[in-house]
N, C-alpha and C. Protein backbone atom coordinates (compact mmCIF):
# COMPACT_ATOMS: atom_id res chain seq x y z
N GLN A 1 -15.23 14.31 -23.62
CA GLN A 1 -16.37 13.96 -22.78
C GLN A 1 -16.47 14.87 -21.55
N MET A 2 -15.38 15.52 -21.18
CA MET A 2 -15.42 16.39 -20.01
C MET A 2 -16.05 17.72 -20.43
N PRO A 3 -16.71 18.41 -19.51
CA PRO A 3 -17.41 19.65 -19.86
C PRO A 3 -16.50 20.70 -20.49
N HIS A 4 -15.24 20.81 -20.04
CA HIS A 4 -14.37 21.83 -20.59
C HIS A 4 -13.72 21.39 -21.90
N GLY A 5 -14.02 20.17 -22.37
CA GLY A 5 -13.46 19.68 -23.63
C GLY A 5 -14.00 20.44 -24.84
N HIS A 6 -15.12 21.13 -24.69
CA HIS A 6 -15.73 21.86 -25.81
C HIS A 6 -15.65 23.37 -25.61
N MET A 7 -14.86 23.81 -24.64
CA MET A 7 -14.72 25.24 -24.38
C MET A 7 -13.82 25.86 -25.44
N PRO A 8 -14.02 27.14 -25.73
CA PRO A 8 -13.06 27.83 -26.60
C PRO A 8 -11.70 27.86 -25.90
N LEU A 9 -10.63 27.81 -26.66
CA LEU A 9 -9.27 27.72 -26.10
C LEU A 9 -8.95 28.83 -25.10
N PRO A 10 -9.26 30.11 -25.38
CA PRO A 10 -8.96 31.15 -24.38
C PRO A 10 -9.67 30.90 -23.05
N SER A 11 -10.89 30.44 -23.09
CA SER A 11 -11.64 30.16 -21.86
C SER A 11 -11.02 28.99 -21.11
N PHE A 12 -10.58 27.98 -21.85
CA PHE A 12 -9.95 26.82 -21.24
C PHE A 12 -8.67 27.23 -20.50
N TRP A 13 -7.80 28.02 -21.17
CA TRP A 13 -6.56 28.45 -20.54
C TRP A 13 -6.82 29.33 -19.32
N LYS A 14 -7.86 30.15 -19.38
CA LYS A 14 -8.23 30.99 -18.24
C LYS A 14 -8.65 30.09 -17.06
N MET A 15 -9.41 29.03 -17.35
CA MET A 15 -9.84 28.11 -16.30
C MET A 15 -8.61 27.41 -15.68
N VAL A 16 -7.67 26.98 -16.53
CA VAL A 16 -6.45 26.32 -16.04
C VAL A 16 -5.66 27.28 -15.15
N GLU A 17 -5.49 28.51 -15.62
CA GLU A 17 -4.74 29.52 -14.86
C GLU A 17 -5.39 29.78 -13.50
N ASP A 18 -6.72 29.92 -13.48
CA ASP A 18 -7.44 30.17 -12.22
C ASP A 18 -7.27 28.99 -11.26
N THR A 19 -7.35 27.78 -11.80
CA THR A 19 -7.20 26.58 -10.97
C THR A 19 -5.79 26.52 -10.37
N LEU A 20 -4.78 26.83 -11.19
CA LEU A 20 -3.40 26.82 -10.69
C LEU A 20 -3.18 27.90 -9.62
N GLN A 21 -3.75 29.08 -9.83
CA GLN A 21 -3.62 30.14 -8.83
C GLN A 21 -4.27 29.74 -7.51
N GLN A 22 -5.45 29.13 -7.60
CA GLN A 22 -6.16 28.70 -6.41
C GLN A 22 -5.36 27.61 -5.68
N SER A 23 -4.81 26.67 -6.44
CA SER A 23 -3.99 25.60 -5.83
C SER A 23 -2.74 26.18 -5.20
N GLY A 24 -2.11 27.14 -5.86
CA GLY A 24 -0.92 27.79 -5.30
C GLY A 24 -1.23 28.51 -4.00
N ALA A 25 -2.36 29.19 -3.95
CA ALA A 25 -2.77 29.88 -2.73
C ALA A 25 -3.02 28.88 -1.60
N GLN A 26 -3.67 27.76 -1.93
CA GLN A 26 -3.91 26.73 -0.91
C GLN A 26 -2.59 26.15 -0.40
N LEU A 27 -1.64 25.94 -1.30
CA LEU A 27 -0.33 25.41 -0.90
C LEU A 27 0.38 26.40 0.01
N CYS A 28 0.33 27.69 -0.32
CA CYS A 28 0.95 28.71 0.53
C CYS A 28 0.33 28.71 1.92
N THR A 29 -0.98 28.63 1.98
CA THR A 29 -1.68 28.61 3.27
C THR A 29 -1.26 27.38 4.06
N PHE A 30 -1.19 26.22 3.40
CA PHE A 30 -0.77 25.00 4.07
C PHE A 30 0.64 25.14 4.62
N CYS A 31 1.56 25.67 3.81
CA CYS A 31 2.96 25.83 4.25
C CYS A 31 3.04 26.75 5.46
N GLN A 32 2.31 27.86 5.44
CA GLN A 32 2.34 28.79 6.57
C GLN A 32 1.78 28.12 7.83
N THR A 33 0.68 27.37 7.67
CA THR A 33 0.09 26.67 8.81
C THR A 33 1.07 25.64 9.35
N PHE A 34 1.69 24.89 8.46
CA PHE A 34 2.65 23.85 8.86
C PHE A 34 3.81 24.46 9.63
N GLU A 35 4.33 25.59 9.17
CA GLU A 35 5.47 26.22 9.83
C GLU A 35 5.10 26.76 11.21
N THR A 36 3.85 27.22 11.39
CA THR A 36 3.48 27.76 12.69
C THR A 36 3.07 26.65 13.66
N VAL A 37 2.52 25.55 13.16
CA VAL A 37 2.07 24.46 14.03
C VAL A 37 3.23 23.55 14.42
N THR A 38 4.15 23.27 13.49
CA THR A 38 5.26 22.37 13.76
C THR A 38 6.39 23.13 14.43
N PRO A 39 6.75 22.74 15.64
CA PRO A 39 7.85 23.44 16.29
C PRO A 39 9.17 23.12 15.59
N SER A 40 10.05 24.09 15.54
CA SER A 40 11.34 23.84 14.93
C SER A 40 12.16 22.96 15.86
N PRO A 41 13.07 22.16 15.30
CA PRO A 41 13.87 21.29 16.16
C PRO A 41 14.69 22.11 17.15
N VAL A 42 14.77 21.61 18.35
CA VAL A 42 15.58 22.29 19.36
C VAL A 42 16.64 21.32 19.86
N THR A 43 17.72 21.87 20.37
CA THR A 43 18.78 21.04 20.91
C THR A 43 18.26 20.32 22.15
N GLN A 44 18.38 19.01 22.14
CA GLN A 44 17.91 18.20 23.27
C GLN A 44 19.01 18.12 24.33
N PRO A 45 18.65 18.16 25.63
CA PRO A 45 19.67 17.96 26.67
C PRO A 45 20.19 16.53 26.59
N LEU A 46 21.48 16.35 26.90
CA LEU A 46 22.11 15.04 26.78
C LEU A 46 22.25 14.38 28.14
N ASN A 47 22.06 13.05 28.18
CA ASN A 47 22.33 12.31 29.40
C ASN A 47 23.84 12.06 29.48
N PRO A 48 24.38 11.65 30.64
CA PRO A 48 25.83 11.49 30.78
C PRO A 48 26.46 10.54 29.75
N ALA A 49 25.80 9.42 29.45
CA ALA A 49 26.35 8.47 28.47
C ALA A 49 26.43 9.11 27.09
N GLU A 50 25.38 9.84 26.72
CA GLU A 50 25.36 10.51 25.42
C GLU A 50 26.41 11.61 25.38
N GLU A 51 26.60 12.27 26.51
CA GLU A 51 27.61 13.34 26.58
C GLU A 51 29.01 12.77 26.36
N ARG A 52 29.30 11.60 26.95
CA ARG A 52 30.60 10.95 26.73
C ARG A 52 30.78 10.58 25.27
N LYS A 53 29.70 10.11 24.65
CA LYS A 53 29.77 9.74 23.24
C LYS A 53 30.05 10.98 22.38
N VAL A 54 29.41 12.10 22.70
CA VAL A 54 29.62 13.35 21.96
C VAL A 54 31.07 13.80 22.10
N LEU A 55 31.62 13.72 23.31
CA LEU A 55 33.01 14.12 23.51
C LEU A 55 33.95 13.23 22.70
N SER A 56 33.64 11.94 22.65
CA SER A 56 34.45 11.01 21.86
C SER A 56 34.37 11.35 20.37
N LEU A 57 33.16 11.59 19.87
CA LEU A 57 32.98 11.96 18.46
C LEU A 57 33.71 13.27 18.16
N MET A 58 33.64 14.23 19.09
CA MET A 58 34.28 15.52 18.87
C MET A 58 35.80 15.36 18.80
N SER A 59 36.36 14.53 19.69
CA SER A 59 37.81 14.36 19.66
C SER A 59 38.27 13.62 18.41
N LYS A 60 37.44 12.70 17.90
CA LYS A 60 37.80 11.95 16.68
C LYS A 60 37.62 12.77 15.41
N HIS A 61 36.52 13.52 15.34
CA HIS A 61 36.12 14.15 14.07
C HIS A 61 36.14 15.67 14.09
N GLY A 62 36.18 16.29 15.26
CA GLY A 62 36.15 17.75 15.35
C GLY A 62 34.73 18.27 15.51
N PRO A 63 34.57 19.43 16.16
CA PRO A 63 33.24 19.97 16.46
C PRO A 63 32.45 20.37 15.22
N ASP A 64 33.12 20.73 14.14
CA ASP A 64 32.41 21.18 12.94
C ASP A 64 31.75 20.02 12.19
N LYS A 65 32.04 18.79 12.56
CA LYS A 65 31.46 17.61 11.89
C LYS A 65 30.27 17.03 12.66
N LEU A 66 29.92 17.62 13.81
CA LEU A 66 28.85 17.07 14.63
C LEU A 66 27.48 17.58 14.18
N TYR A 67 26.53 16.65 14.11
CA TYR A 67 25.16 16.96 13.72
C TYR A 67 24.21 16.30 14.70
N GLN A 68 23.03 16.93 14.87
CA GLN A 68 21.99 16.36 15.72
C GLN A 68 20.84 15.88 14.85
N VAL A 69 20.29 14.72 15.21
CA VAL A 69 19.16 14.13 14.50
C VAL A 69 17.90 14.92 14.87
N THR A 70 17.19 15.43 13.85
CA THR A 70 16.03 16.28 14.13
C THR A 70 14.72 15.51 14.28
N SER A 71 14.67 14.27 13.77
CA SER A 71 13.49 13.42 13.96
C SER A 71 13.93 11.98 13.85
N ASN A 72 13.14 11.08 14.41
CA ASN A 72 13.51 9.66 14.41
C ASN A 72 13.78 9.17 12.99
N ILE A 73 14.81 8.34 12.87
CA ILE A 73 15.19 7.78 11.58
C ILE A 73 15.10 6.26 11.69
N SER A 74 14.36 5.68 10.77
CA SER A 74 14.22 4.24 10.74
C SER A 74 14.94 3.72 9.50
N GLY A 75 16.08 3.10 9.70
CA GLY A 75 16.87 2.60 8.57
C GLY A 75 16.14 1.50 7.84
N SER A 76 16.05 1.62 6.51
CA SER A 76 15.30 0.63 5.74
C SER A 76 16.17 -0.15 4.76
N LYS A 77 17.33 0.38 4.40
CA LYS A 77 18.22 -0.29 3.45
C LYS A 77 19.44 -0.81 4.19
N ASP A 78 20.21 -1.67 3.51
CA ASP A 78 21.47 -2.11 4.08
C ASP A 78 22.34 -0.89 4.36
N LEU A 79 23.04 -0.91 5.45
CA LEU A 79 23.95 0.15 5.88
C LEU A 79 23.24 1.41 6.35
N ASP A 80 21.90 1.42 6.41
CA ASP A 80 21.18 2.56 6.98
C ASP A 80 21.17 2.42 8.50
N LEU A 81 21.23 3.54 9.20
CA LEU A 81 21.16 3.53 10.66
C LEU A 81 19.74 3.85 11.12
N THR A 82 19.38 3.34 12.28
CA THR A 82 18.15 3.71 12.95
C THR A 82 18.56 4.56 14.15
N LEU A 83 18.11 5.82 14.17
CA LEU A 83 18.51 6.76 15.21
C LEU A 83 17.30 7.46 15.79
N GLN A 84 17.47 7.94 17.02
CA GLN A 84 16.40 8.66 17.70
C GLN A 84 16.63 10.17 17.59
N ARG A 85 15.54 10.92 17.63
CA ARG A 85 15.62 12.38 17.62
C ARG A 85 16.49 12.83 18.79
N GLY A 86 17.39 13.76 18.50
CA GLY A 86 18.25 14.31 19.54
C GLY A 86 19.63 13.68 19.59
N GLN A 87 19.80 12.49 18.96
CA GLN A 87 21.11 11.85 18.98
C GLN A 87 22.12 12.70 18.21
N ILE A 88 23.39 12.60 18.62
CA ILE A 88 24.47 13.33 17.98
C ILE A 88 25.29 12.34 17.16
N VAL A 89 25.62 12.74 15.94
CA VAL A 89 26.44 11.91 15.05
C VAL A 89 27.53 12.79 14.45
N ALA A 90 28.57 12.14 13.91
CA ALA A 90 29.64 12.86 13.24
C ALA A 90 29.56 12.56 11.75
N LEU A 91 29.65 13.59 10.94
CA LEU A 91 29.61 13.44 9.49
C LEU A 91 30.94 12.88 8.99
N LEU A 92 30.86 11.78 8.23
CA LEU A 92 32.05 11.20 7.61
C LEU A 92 32.12 11.57 6.13
N GLN A 93 30.98 11.47 5.44
CA GLN A 93 30.91 11.85 4.02
C GLN A 93 29.52 12.40 3.74
N SER A 94 29.45 13.46 2.93
CA SER A 94 28.15 14.06 2.62
C SER A 94 27.56 13.49 1.33
N VAL A 95 27.93 12.24 1.01
CA VAL A 95 27.34 11.51 -0.13
C VAL A 95 27.31 10.03 0.24
N ASP A 96 26.45 9.25 -0.47
CA ASP A 96 26.49 7.80 -0.27
C ASP A 96 27.39 7.18 -1.35
N THR A 97 27.42 5.87 -1.40
CA THR A 97 28.33 5.18 -2.32
C THR A 97 27.99 5.41 -3.79
N LYS A 98 26.77 5.86 -4.06
CA LYS A 98 26.35 6.12 -5.45
C LYS A 98 26.38 7.60 -5.80
N GLY A 99 26.93 8.42 -4.91
CA GLY A 99 27.02 9.85 -5.16
C GLY A 99 25.78 10.64 -4.79
N ASN A 100 24.82 10.00 -4.12
CA ASN A 100 23.58 10.66 -3.71
C ASN A 100 23.88 11.57 -2.51
N THR A 101 23.67 12.87 -2.67
CA THR A 101 23.95 13.82 -1.58
C THR A 101 22.80 13.92 -0.57
N ASN A 102 21.71 13.19 -0.79
CA ASN A 102 20.60 13.19 0.16
C ASN A 102 20.80 12.18 1.28
N ARG A 103 21.80 11.30 1.15
CA ARG A 103 22.12 10.32 2.19
C ARG A 103 23.58 10.54 2.59
N TRP A 104 23.80 10.75 3.90
CA TRP A 104 25.13 11.01 4.39
C TRP A 104 25.64 9.82 5.20
N LEU A 105 26.94 9.59 5.13
CA LEU A 105 27.59 8.57 5.94
C LEU A 105 27.99 9.22 7.26
N VAL A 106 27.54 8.63 8.36
CA VAL A 106 27.82 9.21 9.68
C VAL A 106 28.36 8.15 10.63
N ASP A 107 29.04 8.63 11.66
CA ASP A 107 29.50 7.81 12.77
C ASP A 107 28.59 8.14 13.94
N ALA A 108 27.88 7.13 14.46
CA ALA A 108 26.95 7.36 15.56
C ALA A 108 27.58 6.99 16.90
N GLY A 109 28.91 7.03 16.97
CA GLY A 109 29.58 6.70 18.21
C GLY A 109 29.71 5.21 18.40
N GLY A 110 29.91 4.51 17.35
CA GLY A 110 29.99 3.04 17.35
C GLY A 110 29.59 2.58 15.96
N PRO A 111 28.29 2.45 15.73
CA PRO A 111 27.87 2.06 14.37
C PRO A 111 28.07 3.21 13.38
N ARG A 112 28.42 2.83 12.18
CA ARG A 112 28.52 3.80 11.09
C ARG A 112 27.55 3.38 10.01
N GLY A 113 26.92 4.36 9.37
CA GLY A 113 25.97 4.04 8.32
C GLY A 113 25.41 5.30 7.71
N PHE A 114 24.40 5.10 6.86
CA PHE A 114 23.81 6.20 6.12
C PHE A 114 22.52 6.67 6.77
N VAL A 115 22.30 7.99 6.71
CA VAL A 115 21.06 8.60 7.20
C VAL A 115 20.63 9.68 6.21
N PRO A 116 19.33 10.02 6.17
CA PRO A 116 18.87 11.10 5.30
C PRO A 116 19.47 12.43 5.77
N ALA A 117 20.09 13.15 4.85
CA ALA A 117 20.73 14.43 5.19
C ALA A 117 19.72 15.43 5.73
N GLY A 118 18.47 15.38 5.26
CA GLY A 118 17.46 16.33 5.68
C GLY A 118 17.02 16.17 7.13
N LYS A 119 17.44 15.08 7.79
CA LYS A 119 17.06 14.87 9.18
C LYS A 119 18.21 15.17 10.13
N LEU A 120 19.20 15.92 9.63
CA LEU A 120 20.34 16.32 10.47
C LEU A 120 20.46 17.84 10.46
N GLN A 121 20.87 18.37 11.60
CA GLN A 121 21.17 19.80 11.69
C GLN A 121 22.51 19.94 12.41
N PRO A 122 23.28 20.97 12.05
CA PRO A 122 24.56 21.16 12.74
C PRO A 122 24.35 21.27 14.24
N TYR A 123 25.23 20.67 15.01
CA TYR A 123 25.11 20.67 16.46
C TYR A 123 25.87 21.84 17.05
């Protein structure tokens, strides 16, 4: 019933290819715009209480385990943490209990729980 349903096969594949190329170009343009408009995460200055927490995490876990939250995290499942952008956490495990590497177990200087790995950057 669609207009291209009666097209010869070579013409149909050409139309599909053109549509995919156009969509790919639009996606590239969107990605470039997104990268230039969205500022990359920057290290946030710490207040004295947060600084004490970072020093405590560093002494417990070492400096190579510290990560900074790049955007607010709203925990939705059991054992998920809710954290603010800029907070510092220590990595405990780079997988969750089911082996999912997209959720990491972290110590937030008191509470421990899971956060999305994509919202953390090395501190």
